[in-house]
């Protein structure tokens, strides 16, 4: 419910040291963490109170031979997506990152990817941070055959739409913590928006069923969160609220909440109002986060207020 950005320690860990480090971290939390408080039973609260320097010092008391972090060579941030067809570090091989909208795959579809991996790869499939599928170890000579596979009529390895970059949690269909449904409405929502908008760099839209943020709503360009709400007539209804401007670039920034609540049928109009403004006024090559950064939250609130004003008063969610 209360996300924290991770803090970097001055520690570098080799593969053989990982088990020992993991054990020490668990011990530190066991002995010092707020385990009696359900609301604070997380390691992040202990680190926040101690500070990363003290936490690192406690680790080094038990593992004094750990190396220092050195210089990070990480460049940019992709939100964990690995979409598209790309050369591997190993010469002559490629990997194919396939968009799996809403993270849902039928058994026969999954079998088709398994067959591709067996025939053209090394019998291996992977998944990225955003619920998409990766087929590694494709030889250059086999790329035409792989791209011609029938399964790619239903799934894209050429990411260019909002649906390719969207992420969602399980939602109320299977999770008893969720306030609203997610996966069932996500594909229709983004399909409707994709039919209306086109972007060189599609914004990352995340839909999560509650405030726990399993779909990482806080770092999305546009985050949608399910909530309990009422209609003007007092009837209970599943509703959603919007946040904008999340990123892990430049130290990270959680997206910021906008005022307003919407039913699933009102979401295309609400999200569309934001996307329409971005499409009409973005600078050449400007990402959504850059666009958000040069404006202010009030600009996006005005967009949503204007949209709310266009709704029938009886349809407004309170």
C-alpha atoms as a PDB file:
ATOM      1  CA  UNK A   1       0.000   0.000   0.000  1.00  0.00           C
ATOM      2  CA  UNK A   2       2.954   2.323   0.581  1.00  0.00           C
ATOM      3  CA  UNK A   3       5.636   1.813  -2.074  1.00  0.00           C
ATOM      4  CA  UNK A   4       9.275   2.731  -1.525  1.00  0.00           C
ATOM      5  CA  UNK A   5      12.017   3.156  -4.085  1.00  0.00           C
ATOM      6  CA  UNK A   6      14.888   0.743  -3.560  1.00  0.00           C
ATOM      7  CA  UNK A   7      18.124   2.118  -2.088  1.00  0.00           C
ATOM      8  CA  UNK A   8      21.490   1.094  -3.520  1.00  0.00           C
ATOM      9  CA  UNK A   9      24.090  -0.241  -1.108  1.00  0.00           C
ATOM     10  CA  UNK A  10      27.834  -0.155  -1.712  1.00  0.00           C
ATOM     11  CA  UNK A  11      28.000  -3.941  -2.073  1.00  0.00           C
ATOM     12  CA  UNK A  12      28.855  -6.154  -5.033  1.00  0.00           C
ATOM     13  CA  UNK A  13      27.875  -9.806  -4.728  1.00  0.00           C
ATOM     14  CA  UNK A  14      29.240 -12.711  -6.733  1.00  0.00           C
ATOM     15  CA  UNK A  15      26.995 -15.647  -7.573  1.00  0.00           C
ATOM     16  CA  UNK A  16      28.508 -17.932  -4.935  1.00  0.00           C
ATOM     17  CA  UNK A  17      27.892 -15.293  -2.220  1.00  0.00           C
ATOM     18  CA  UNK A  18      24.175 -14.879  -2.905  1.00  0.00           C
ATOM     19  CA  UNK A  19      22.950 -17.667  -0.550  1.00  0.00           C
ATOM     20  CA  UNK A  20      25.004 -16.343   2.377  1.00  0.00           C
ATOM     21  CA  UNK A  21      23.876 -12.769   1.762  1.00  0.00           C
ATOM     22  CA  UNK A  22      20.226 -13.817   1.510  1.00  0.00           C
ATOM     23  CA  UNK A  23      20.500 -15.667   4.813  1.00  0.00           C
ATOM     24  CA  UNK A  24      22.016 -12.656   6.581  1.00  0.00           C
ATOM     25  CA  UNK A  25      19.310 -10.323   5.255  1.00  0.00           C
ATOM     26  CA  UNK A  26      16.589 -12.679   6.463  1.00  0.00           C
ATOM     27  CA  UNK A  27      18.252 -12.932   9.869  1.00  0.00           C
ATOM     28  CA  UNK A  28      18.455  -9.149  10.184  1.00  0.00           C
ATOM     29  CA  UNK A  29      14.773  -8.847   9.382  1.00  0.00           C
ATOM     30  CA  UNK A  30      13.861 -11.725  11.702  1.00  0.00           C
ATOM     31  CA  UNK A  31      15.671 -10.165  14.641  1.00  0.00           C
ATOM     32  CA  UNK A  32      14.930  -6.472  14.002  1.00  0.00           C
ATOM     33  CA  UNK A  33      11.928  -6.167  11.681  1.00  0.00           C
ATOM     34  CA  UNK A  34       8.444  -5.002  12.665  1.00  0.00           C
ATOM     35  CA  UNK A  35       6.931  -8.470  12.453  1.00  0.00           C
ATOM     36  CA  UNK A  36       4.234  -7.815  15.077  1.00  0.00           C
ATOM     37  CA  UNK A  37       2.698  -5.047  12.981  1.00  0.00           C
ATOM     38  CA  UNK A  38       0.792  -6.278   9.932  1.00  0.00           C
ATOM     39  CA  UNK A  39       0.980  -2.803   8.397  1.00  0.00           C
ATOM     40  CA  UNK A  40       4.782  -2.583   8.749  1.00  0.00           C
ATOM     41  CA  UNK A  41       5.825  -6.220   8.339  1.00  0.00           C
ATOM     42  CA  UNK A  42       8.156  -5.447   5.447  1.00  0.00           C
ATOM     43  CA  UNK A  43      11.922  -5.115   5.152  1.00  0.00           C
ATOM     44  CA  UNK A  44      11.552  -1.675   3.535  1.00  0.00           C
ATOM     45  CA  UNK A  45      10.352  -0.119   6.796  1.00  0.00           C
ATOM     46  CA  UNK A  46      13.387  -1.405   8.699  1.00  0.00           C
ATOM     47  CA  UNK A  47      15.772  -0.064   6.039  1.00  0.00           C
ATOM     48  CA  UNK A  48      13.901   3.260   5.972  1.00  0.00           C
ATOM     49  CA  UNK A  49      14.353   3.658   9.742  1.00  0.00           C
ATOM     50  CA  UNK A  50      17.937   2.399   9.896  1.00  0.00           C
ATOM     51  CA  UNK A  51      19.175   3.975   6.698  1.00  0.00           C
ATOM     52  CA  UNK A  52      20.997   2.027   3.997  1.00  0.00           C
ATOM     53  CA  UNK A  53      24.435   2.712   5.546  1.00  0.00           C
ATOM     54  CA  UNK A  54      23.504   1.050   8.855  1.00  0.00           C
ATOM     55  CA  UNK A  55      21.855  -1.865   7.060  1.00  0.00           C
ATOM     56  CA  UNK A  56      24.984  -2.408   4.976  1.00  0.00           C
ATOM     57  CA  UNK A  57      27.187  -2.188   8.079  1.00  0.00           C
ATOM     58  CA  UNK A  58      25.099  -4.885   9.773  1.00  0.00           C
ATOM     59  CA  UNK A  59      25.543  -7.118   6.733  1.00  0.00           C
ATOM     60  CA  UNK A  60      29.301  -6.581   6.683  1.00  0.00           C
ATOM     61  CA  UNK A  61      29.557  -7.517  10.363  1.00  0.00           C
ATOM     62  CA  UNK A  62      28.726 -11.067   9.305  1.00  0.00           C
ATOM     63  CA  UNK A  63      30.123 -10.981   5.759  1.00  0.00           C
ATOM     64  CA  UNK A  64      33.230  -8.781   5.949  1.00  0.00           C
ATOM     65  CA  UNK A  65      34.683  -9.980   2.641  1.00  0.00           C
ATOM     66  CA  UNK A  66      31.976  -8.562   0.368  1.00  0.00           C
ATOM     67  CA  UNK A  67      33.316  -6.312  -2.393  1.00  0.00           C
ATOM     68  CA  UNK A  68      32.243  -2.712  -2.915  1.00  0.00           C
ATOM     69  CA  UNK A  69      29.765  -1.899  -5.675  1.00  0.00           C
ATOM     70  CA  UNK A  70      32.097  -0.145  -8.091  1.00  0.00           C
ATOM     71  CA  UNK A  71      30.790   1.877 -11.021  1.00  0.00           C
ATOM     72  CA  UNK A  72      27.365   1.037 -12.425  1.00  0.00           C
ATOM     73  CA  UNK A  73      27.209   0.685 -16.205  1.00  0.00           C
ATOM     74  CA  UNK A  74      23.412   0.512 -16.312  1.00  0.00           C
ATOM     75  CA  UNK A  75      21.987   2.837 -18.963  1.00  0.00           C
ATOM     76  CA  UNK A  76      18.384   3.959 -19.126  1.00  0.00           C
ATOM     77  CA  UNK A  77      15.336   1.970 -18.099  1.00  0.00           C
ATOM     78  CA  UNK A  78      12.925  -0.198 -20.070  1.00  0.00           C
ATOM     79  CA  UNK A  79      10.448  -1.145 -17.332  1.00  0.00           C
ATOM     80  CA  UNK A  80      11.609  -4.715 -17.708  1.00  0.00           C
ATOM     81  CA  UNK A  81      10.139  -5.255 -21.151  1.00  0.00           C
ATOM     82  CA  UNK A  82      12.100  -7.283 -23.696  1.00  0.00           C
ATOM     83  CA  UNK A  83       9.840  -6.973 -26.724  1.00  0.00           C
ATOM     84  CA  UNK A  84      10.859  -7.289 -30.349  1.00  0.00           C
ATOM     85  CA  UNK A  85      13.416  -9.228 -32.340  1.00  0.00           C
ATOM     86  CA  UNK A  86      16.984  -8.550 -31.169  1.00  0.00           C
ATOM     87  CA  UNK A  87      20.486  -9.999 -31.585  1.00  0.00           C
ATOM     88  CA  UNK A  88      21.878 -11.763 -28.542  1.00  0.00           C
ATOM     89  CA  UNK A  89      25.368 -11.178 -27.194  1.00  0.00           C
ATOM     90  CA  UNK A  90      26.203 -14.570 -28.657  1.00  0.00           C
ATOM     91  CA  UNK A  91      27.062 -14.008 -32.328  1.00  0.00           C
ATOM     92  CA  UNK A  92      24.614 -15.477 -34.803  1.00  0.00           C
ATOM     93  CA  UNK A  93      21.704 -15.814 -32.363  1.00  0.00           C
ATOM     94  CA  UNK A  94      18.570 -13.746 -31.764  1.00  0.00           C
ATOM     95  CA  UNK A  95      15.819 -13.642 -29.196  1.00  0.00           C
ATOM     96  CA  UNK A  96      12.162 -12.896 -29.900  1.00  0.00           C
ATOM     97  CA  UNK A  97      10.192 -10.928 -27.292  1.00  0.00           C
ATOM     98  CA  UNK A  98       6.487 -11.513 -27.840  1.00  0.00           C
ATOM     99  CA  UNK A  99       3.719  -9.275 -26.502  1.00  0.00           C
ATOM    100  CA  UNK A 100       1.203 -11.234 -24.384  1.00  0.00           C
ATOM    101  CA  UNK A 101      -1.691  -8.773 -23.861  1.00  0.00           C
ATOM    102  CA  UNK A 102      -2.883  -8.737 -20.235  1.00  0.00           C
ATOM    103  CA  UNK A 103      -0.485 -11.644 -19.594  1.00  0.00           C
ATOM    104  CA  UNK A 104      -3.044 -14.245 -20.685  1.00  0.00           C
ATOM    105  CA  UNK A 105      -2.279 -17.223 -22.880  1.00  0.00           C
ATOM    106  CA  UNK A 106      -4.425 -20.244 -23.805  1.00  0.00           C
ATOM    107  CA  UNK A 107      -2.968 -23.743 -23.606  1.00  0.00           C
ATOM    108  CA  UNK A 108      -2.862 -24.290 -27.381  1.00  0.00           C
ATOM    109  CA  UNK A 109      -1.211 -20.889 -27.856  1.00  0.00           C
ATOM    110  CA  UNK A 110       1.407 -21.693 -25.261  1.00  0.00           C
ATOM    111  CA  UNK A 111       2.001 -25.042 -26.960  1.00  0.00           C
ATOM    112  CA  UNK A 112       2.655 -23.208 -30.235  1.00  0.00           C
ATOM    113  CA  UNK A 113       5.414 -21.189 -28.564  1.00  0.00           C
ATOM    114  CA  UNK A 114       6.816 -24.341 -26.974  1.00  0.00           C
ATOM    115  CA  UNK A 115       6.965 -25.950 -30.414  1.00  0.00           C
ATOM    116  CA  UNK A 116       8.814 -22.941 -31.833  1.00  0.00           C
ATOM    117  CA  UNK A 117      11.335 -23.029 -28.997  1.00  0.00           C
ATOM    118  CA  UNK A 118      11.920 -26.755 -29.547  1.00  0.00           C
ATOM    119  CA  UNK A 119      12.268 -26.515 -33.303  1.00  0.00           C
ATOM    120  CA  UNK A 120      14.260 -23.311 -33.658  1.00  0.00           C
ATOM    121  CA  UNK A 121      15.662 -22.503 -30.206  1.00  0.00           C
ATOM    122  CA  UNK A 122      17.075 -24.573 -27.373  1.00  0.00           C
ATOM    123  CA  UNK A 123      13.796 -25.839 -25.900  1.00  0.00           C
ATOM    124  CA  UNK A 124      13.651 -22.789 -23.639  1.00  0.00           C
ATOM    125  CA  UNK A 125      11.087 -20.066 -22.957  1.00  0.00           C
ATOM    126  CA  UNK A 126      11.430 -17.067 -20.650  1.00  0.00           C
ATOM    127  CA  UNK A 127       9.144 -14.320 -19.401  1.00  0.00           C
ATOM    128  CA  UNK A 128       9.972 -10.653 -18.876  1.00  0.00           C
ATOM    129  CA  UNK A 129       9.029  -8.279 -16.089  1.00  0.00           C
ATOM    130  CA  UNK A 130       5.821  -7.249 -17.859  1.00  0.00           C
ATOM    131  CA  UNK A 131       4.284 -10.702 -18.431  1.00  0.00           C
ATOM    132  CA  UNK A 132       5.558 -11.069 -21.999  1.00  0.00           C
ATOM    133  CA  UNK A 133       7.211 -14.158 -23.496  1.00  0.00           C
ATOM    134  CA  UNK A 134      10.775 -14.563 -24.814  1.00  0.00           C
ATOM    135  CA  UNK A 135      12.146 -17.233 -27.154  1.00  0.00           C
ATOM    136  CA  UNK A 136      15.974 -17.158 -27.021  1.00  0.00           C
ATOM    137  CA  UNK A 137      18.642 -18.862 -29.105  1.00  0.00           C
ATOM    138  CA  UNK A 138      17.089 -18.399 -32.545  1.00  0.00           C
ATOM    139  CA  UNK A 139      19.677 -18.790 -35.307  1.00  0.00           C
ATOM    140  CA  UNK A 140      19.852 -15.975 -37.861  1.00  0.00           C
ATOM    141  CA  UNK A 141      19.128 -18.409 -40.670  1.00  0.00           C
ATOM    142  CA  UNK A 142      15.885 -19.485 -38.951  1.00  0.00           C
ATOM    143  CA  UNK A 143      14.447 -15.992 -38.423  1.00  0.00           C
ATOM    144  CA  UNK A 144      12.280 -15.996 -41.591  1.00  0.00           C
ATOM    145  CA  UNK A 145      10.662 -19.299 -40.597  1.00  0.00           C
ATOM    146  CA  UNK A 146      10.049 -18.143 -37.027  1.00  0.00           C
ATOM    147  CA  UNK A 147       8.499 -14.842 -38.124  1.00  0.00           C
ATOM    148  CA  UNK A 148       6.211 -16.719 -40.516  1.00  0.00           C
ATOM    149  CA  UNK A 149       4.798 -18.935 -37.732  1.00  0.00           C
ATOM    150  CA  UNK A 150       0.987 -18.871 -37.545  1.00  0.00           C
ATOM    151  CA  UNK A 151       0.997 -17.942 -33.839  1.00  0.00           C
ATOM    152  CA  UNK A 152       2.285 -14.472 -34.745  1.00  0.00           C
ATOM    153  CA  UNK A 153      -1.024 -13.694 -36.409  1.00  0.00           C
ATOM    154  CA  UNK A 154      -2.436 -13.494 -32.889  1.00  0.00           C
ATOM    155  CA  UNK A 155       0.597 -12.184 -30.966  1.00  0.00           C
ATOM    156  CA  UNK A 156       3.035  -9.466 -31.957  1.00  0.00           C
ATOM    157  CA  UNK A 157       6.838  -9.468 -31.863  1.00  0.00           C
ATOM    158  CA  UNK A 158       6.793  -5.896 -33.261  1.00  0.00           C
ATOM    159  CA  UNK A 159       5.752  -3.739 -30.289  1.00  0.00           C
ATOM    160  CA  UNK A 160       4.014  -0.578 -31.423  1.00  0.00           C
ATOM    161  CA  UNK A 161       0.717  -0.414 -29.557  1.00  0.00           C
ATOM    162  CA  UNK A 162      -0.438   0.458 -26.055  1.00  0.00           C
ATOM    163  CA  UNK A 163      -1.541  -3.136 -25.502  1.00  0.00           C
ATOM    164  CA  UNK A 164       2.035  -4.312 -26.108  1.00  0.00           C
ATOM    165  CA  UNK A 165       3.334  -2.292 -23.156  1.00  0.00           C
ATOM    166  CA  UNK A 166       0.409  -2.626 -20.769  1.00  0.00           C
ATOM    167  CA  UNK A 167       0.493  -4.653 -17.552  1.00  0.00           C
ATOM    168  CA  UNK A 168      -2.220  -5.812 -15.190  1.00  0.00           C
ATOM    169  CA  UNK A 169      -2.594  -7.834 -12.011  1.00  0.00           C
ATOM    170  CA  UNK A 170      -5.047 -10.698 -11.538  1.00  0.00           C
ATOM    171  CA  UNK A 171      -7.814  -8.488 -10.178  1.00  0.00           C
ATOM    172  CA  UNK A 172     -11.112  -9.452  -8.578  1.00  0.00           C
ATOM    173  CA  UNK A 173     -11.570 -12.521 -10.770  1.00  0.00           C
ATOM    174  CA  UNK A 174      -9.140 -14.516  -8.608  1.00  0.00           C
ATOM    175  CA  UNK A 175      -7.817 -12.174  -5.881  1.00  0.00           C
ATOM    176  CA  UNK A 176      -9.930 -11.517  -2.794  1.00  0.00           C
ATOM    177  CA  UNK A 177      -7.964  -8.345  -2.014  1.00  0.00           C
ATOM    178  CA  UNK A 178      -8.922  -6.644  -5.286  1.00  0.00           C
ATOM    179  CA  UNK A 179     -11.538  -3.914  -5.363  1.00  0.00           C
ATOM    180  CA  UNK A 180     -12.247  -4.302  -9.075  1.00  0.00           C
ATOM    181  CA  UNK A 181     -11.758  -6.503 -12.114  1.00  0.00           C
ATOM    182  CA  UNK A 182      -8.697  -5.995 -14.291  1.00  0.00           C
ATOM    183  CA  UNK A 183      -7.724  -8.487 -16.996  1.00  0.00           C
ATOM    184  CA  UNK A 184     -11.237  -8.847 -18.390  1.00  0.00           C
ATOM    185  CA  UNK A 185     -11.504  -5.105 -19.073  1.00  0.00           C
ATOM    186  CA  UNK A 186      -7.856  -4.344 -19.878  1.00  0.00           C
ATOM    187  CA  UNK A 187      -7.642  -5.807 -23.389  1.00  0.00           C
ATOM    188  CA  UNK A 188     -10.916  -4.182 -24.569  1.00  0.00           C
ATOM    189  CA  UNK A 189      -9.844  -0.877 -22.998  1.00  0.00           C
ATOM    190  CA  UNK A 190      -6.456  -0.748 -24.680  1.00  0.00           C
ATOM    191  CA  UNK A 191      -7.818  -2.122 -27.961  1.00  0.00           C
ATOM    192  CA  UNK A 192     -10.271   0.771 -28.026  1.00  0.00           C
ATOM    193  CA  UNK A 193      -7.497   3.268 -27.292  1.00  0.00           C
ATOM    194  CA  UNK A 194      -5.158   1.677 -29.858  1.00  0.00           C
ATOM    195  CA  UNK A 195      -7.841   2.118 -32.507  1.00  0.00           C
ATOM    196  CA  UNK A 196      -7.840   5.845 -31.788  1.00  0.00           C
ATOM    197  CA  UNK A 197      -4.218   6.706 -31.019  1.00  0.00           C
ATOM    198  CA  UNK A 198      -0.785   5.908 -32.426  1.00  0.00           C
ATOM    199  CA  UNK A 199       2.525   6.694 -30.731  1.00  0.00           C
ATOM    200  CA  UNK A 200       6.163   6.301 -31.677  1.00  0.00           C
ATOM    201  CA  UNK A 201       6.808   5.366 -28.045  1.00  0.00           C
ATOM    202  CA  UNK A 202       3.526   4.118 -26.542  1.00  0.00           C
ATOM    203  CA  UNK A 203       2.992   5.145 -22.914  1.00  0.00           C
ATOM    204  CA  UNK A 204       3.079   2.340 -20.372  1.00  0.00           C
ATOM    205  CA  UNK A 205      -0.396   1.846 -18.883  1.00  0.00           C
ATOM    206  CA  UNK A 206      -0.887  -0.361 -15.831  1.00  0.00           C
ATOM    207  CA  UNK A 207      -4.142  -1.580 -14.297  1.00  0.00           C
ATOM    208  CA  UNK A 208      -4.125  -2.915 -10.744  1.00  0.00           C
ATOM    209  CA  UNK A 209      -7.118  -4.119  -8.762  1.00  0.00           C
ATOM    210  CA  UNK A 210      -6.250  -2.455  -5.448  1.00  0.00           C
ATOM    211  CA  UNK A 211      -3.676  -0.309  -3.685  1.00  0.00           C
ATOM    212  CA  UNK A 212      -1.187  -3.139  -3.129  1.00  0.00           C
ATOM    213  CA  UNK A 213       0.282  -2.409  -6.554  1.00  0.00           C
ATOM    214  CA  UNK A 214       1.084  -5.942  -7.727  1.00  0.00           C
ATOM    215  CA  UNK A 215       1.170  -4.646 -11.314  1.00  0.00           C
ATOM    216  CA  UNK A 216       3.580  -1.846 -10.276  1.00  0.00           C
ATOM    217  CA  UNK A 217       1.046   0.893 -10.876  1.00  0.00           C
ATOM    218  CA  UNK A 218       3.242   3.461  -9.111  1.00  0.00           C
ATOM    219  CA  UNK A 219       5.910   3.548 -11.827  1.00  0.00           C
ATOM    220  CA  UNK A 220       3.622   3.479 -14.881  1.00  0.00           C
ATOM    221  CA  UNK A 221       3.166   6.439 -17.208  1.00  0.00           C
ATOM    222  CA  UNK A 222      -0.549   6.102 -16.563  1.00  0.00           C
ATOM    223  CA  UNK A 223      -1.585   3.997 -13.582  1.00  0.00           C
ATOM    224  CA  UNK A 224      -5.156   2.777 -13.108  1.00  0.00           C
ATOM    225  CA  UNK A 225      -6.225   1.461  -9.699  1.00  0.00           C
ATOM    226  CA  UNK A 226      -9.464  -0.294  -8.778  1.00  0.00           C
ATOM    227  CA  UNK A 227     -11.475   1.160  -5.893  1.00  0.00           C
ATOM    228  CA  UNK A 228     -14.874   0.794  -4.214  1.00  0.00           C
ATOM    229  CA  UNK A 229     -17.215   3.693  -5.036  1.00  0.00           C
ATOM    230  CA  UNK A 230     -20.858   4.751  -5.347  1.00  0.00           C
ATOM    231  CA  UNK A 231     -22.979   6.252  -8.080  1.00  0.00           C
ATOM    232  CA  UNK A 232     -24.803   9.525  -7.581  1.00  0.00           C
ATOM    233  CA  UNK A 233     -27.856   7.417  -6.699  1.00  0.00           C
ATOM    234  CA  UNK A 234     -25.919   5.681  -3.929  1.00  0.00           C
ATOM    235  CA  UNK A 235     -25.409   2.324  -5.627  1.00  0.00           C
ATOM    236  CA  UNK A 236     -22.100   0.569  -5.011  1.00  0.00           C
ATOM    237  CA  UNK A 237     -19.956   0.082  -8.093  1.00  0.00           C
ATOM    238  CA  UNK A 238     -16.476  -1.005  -9.106  1.00  0.00           C
ATOM    239  CA  UNK A 239     -14.555   2.098 -10.088  1.00  0.00           C
ATOM    240  CA  UNK A 240     -11.061   3.247 -10.981  1.00  0.00           C
ATOM    241  CA  UNK A 241      -8.782   6.185 -10.287  1.00  0.00           C
ATOM    242  CA  UNK A 242      -5.873   7.453 -12.399  1.00  0.00           C
ATOM    243  CA  UNK A 243      -2.298   8.478 -11.640  1.00  0.00           C
ATOM    244  CA  UNK A 244       0.264   9.888 -14.082  1.00  0.00           C
ATOM    245  CA  UNK A 245       4.020  10.372 -14.361  1.00  0.00           C
ATOM    246  CA  UNK A 246       5.728   7.259 -13.001  1.00  0.00           C
ATOM    247  CA  UNK A 247       9.291   6.276 -13.920  1.00  0.00           C
ATOM    248  CA  UNK A 248      12.498   4.751 -12.580  1.00  0.00           C
ATOM    249  CA  UNK A 249      14.666   7.170 -14.559  1.00  0.00           C
ATOM    250  CA  UNK A 250      16.844   9.745 -12.766  1.00  0.00           C
ATOM    251  CA  UNK A 251      16.430   8.159  -9.370  1.00  0.00           C
ATOM    252  CA  UNK A 252      12.770   7.280  -9.822  1.00  0.00           C
ATOM    253  CA  UNK A 253       9.431   9.070  -9.472  1.00  0.00           C
ATOM    254  CA  UNK A 254       6.125   7.568  -8.363  1.00  0.00           C
ATOM    255  CA  UNK A 255       3.176   8.665 -10.433  1.00  0.00           C
ATOM    256  CA  UNK A 256       0.820  11.215  -8.903  1.00  0.00           C
ATOM    257  CA  UNK A 257      -2.871  10.745  -8.202  1.00  0.00           C
ATOM    258  CA  UNK A 258      -5.513  12.677 -10.137  1.00  0.00           C
ATOM    259  CA  UNK A 259      -8.922  13.483  -8.676  1.00  0.00           C
ATOM    260  CA  UNK A 260     -11.853  11.684 -10.227  1.00  0.00           C
ATOM    261  CA  UNK A 261     -13.387   8.200 -10.267  1.00  0.00           C
ATOM    262  CA  UNK A 262     -14.554   6.254 -13.290  1.00  0.00           C
ATOM    263  CA  UNK A 263     -16.449   3.075 -14.116  1.00  0.00           C
ATOM    264  CA  UNK A 264     -14.954   0.622 -16.603  1.00  0.00           C
ATOM    265  CA  UNK A 265     -17.159   2.105 -19.331  1.00  0.00           C
ATOM    266  CA  UNK A 266     -15.871   5.596 -18.542  1.00  0.00           C
ATOM    267  CA  UNK A 267     -12.199   4.621 -18.561  1.00  0.00           C
ATOM    268  CA  UNK A 268     -11.684   4.901 -22.359  1.00  0.00           C
ATOM    269  CA  UNK A 269     -12.853   8.502 -22.264  1.00  0.00           C
ATOM    270  CA  UNK A 270     -10.832   9.416 -19.171  1.00  0.00           C
ATOM    271  CA  UNK A 271      -7.570   7.805 -20.288  1.00  0.00           C
ATOM    272  CA  UNK A 272      -8.267   8.966 -23.836  1.00  0.00           C
ATOM    273  CA  UNK A 273      -8.418  12.589 -22.708  1.00  0.00           C
ATOM    274  CA  UNK A 274      -4.858  12.295 -21.402  1.00  0.00           C
ATOM    275  CA  UNK A 275      -3.585  10.440 -24.465  1.00  0.00           C
ATOM    276  CA  UNK A 276      -5.267  12.905 -26.814  1.00  0.00           C
ATOM    277  CA  UNK A 277      -3.421  15.787 -25.170  1.00  0.00           C
ATOM    278  CA  UNK A 278      -0.116  13.913 -25.279  1.00  0.00           C
ATOM    279  CA  UNK A 279      -0.542  12.993 -28.935  1.00  0.00           C
ATOM    280  CA  UNK A 280      -1.461  16.557 -29.896  1.00  0.00           C
ATOM    281  CA  UNK A 281       1.231  18.436 -27.961  1.00  0.00           C
ATOM    282  CA  UNK A 282       4.249  16.177 -27.459  1.00  0.00           C
ATOM    283  CA  UNK A 283       7.564  17.340 -28.876  1.00  0.00           C
ATOM    284  CA  UNK A 284       9.340  15.184 -31.459  1.00  0.00           C
ATOM    285  CA  UNK A 285      10.508  11.954 -29.815  1.00  0.00           C
ATOM    286  CA  UNK A 286       9.246  13.076 -26.400  1.00  0.00           C
ATOM    287  CA  UNK A 287       8.351  10.255 -24.037  1.00  0.00           C
ATOM    288  CA  UNK A 288       5.294  10.510 -21.836  1.00  0.00           C
ATOM    289  CA  UNK A 289       7.439  10.908 -18.731  1.00  0.00           C
ATOM    290  CA  UNK A 290       9.383  13.785 -20.299  1.00  0.00           C
ATOM    291  CA  UNK A 291       6.085  15.324 -21.357  1.00  0.00           C
ATOM    292  CA  UNK A 292       4.741  14.970 -17.826  1.00  0.00           C
ATOM    293  CA  UNK A 293       7.940  16.438 -16.357  1.00  0.00           C
ATOM    294  CA  UNK A 294       7.805  19.659 -18.390  1.00  0.00           C
ATOM    295  CA  UNK A 295       4.184  20.259 -17.423  1.00  0.00           C
ATOM    296  CA  UNK A 296       2.668  19.970 -13.956  1.00  0.00           C
ATOM    297  CA  UNK A 297       0.026  17.837 -12.297  1.00  0.00           C
ATOM    298  CA  UNK A 298      -2.492  20.657 -12.576  1.00  0.00           C
ATOM    299  CA  UNK A 299      -2.356  20.391 -16.377  1.00  0.00           C
ATOM    300  CA  UNK A 300      -3.440  16.750 -16.282  1.00  0.00           C
ATOM    301  CA  UNK A 301      -6.041  17.449 -13.602  1.00  0.00           C
ATOM    302  CA  UNK A 302      -7.587  20.068 -15.880  1.00  0.00           C
ATOM    303  CA  UNK A 303      -7.829  17.488 -18.672  1.00  0.00           C
ATOM    304  CA  UNK A 304      -9.660  15.114 -16.358  1.00  0.00           C
ATOM    305  CA  UNK A 305     -11.882  17.848 -14.911  1.00  0.00           C
ATOM    306  CA  UNK A 306     -12.968  18.853 -18.421  1.00  0.00           C
ATOM    307  CA  UNK A 307     -13.783  15.231 -19.196  1.00  0.00           C
ATOM    308  CA  UNK A 308     -15.766  14.835 -15.964  1.00  0.00           C
ATOM    309  CA  UNK A 309     -17.723  17.977 -16.825  1.00  0.00           C
ATOM    310  CA  UNK A 310     -18.768  16.375 -20.117  1.00  0.00           C
ATOM    311  CA  UNK A 311     -20.384  13.387 -18.385  1.00  0.00           C
ATOM    312  CA  UNK A 312     -24.042  13.141 -17.505  1.00  0.00           C
ATOM    313  CA  UNK A 313     -24.318  14.210 -13.823  1.00  0.00           C
ATOM    314  CA  UNK A 314     -26.164  10.965 -13.086  1.00  0.00           C
ATOM    315  CA  UNK A 315     -23.153   9.004 -14.360  1.00  0.00           C
ATOM    316  CA  UNK A 316     -20.591  10.721 -12.112  1.00  0.00           C
ATOM    317  CA  UNK A 317     -19.009   8.464  -9.485  1.00  0.00           C
ATOM    318  CA  UNK A 318     -18.738   9.929  -5.993  1.00  0.00           C
END
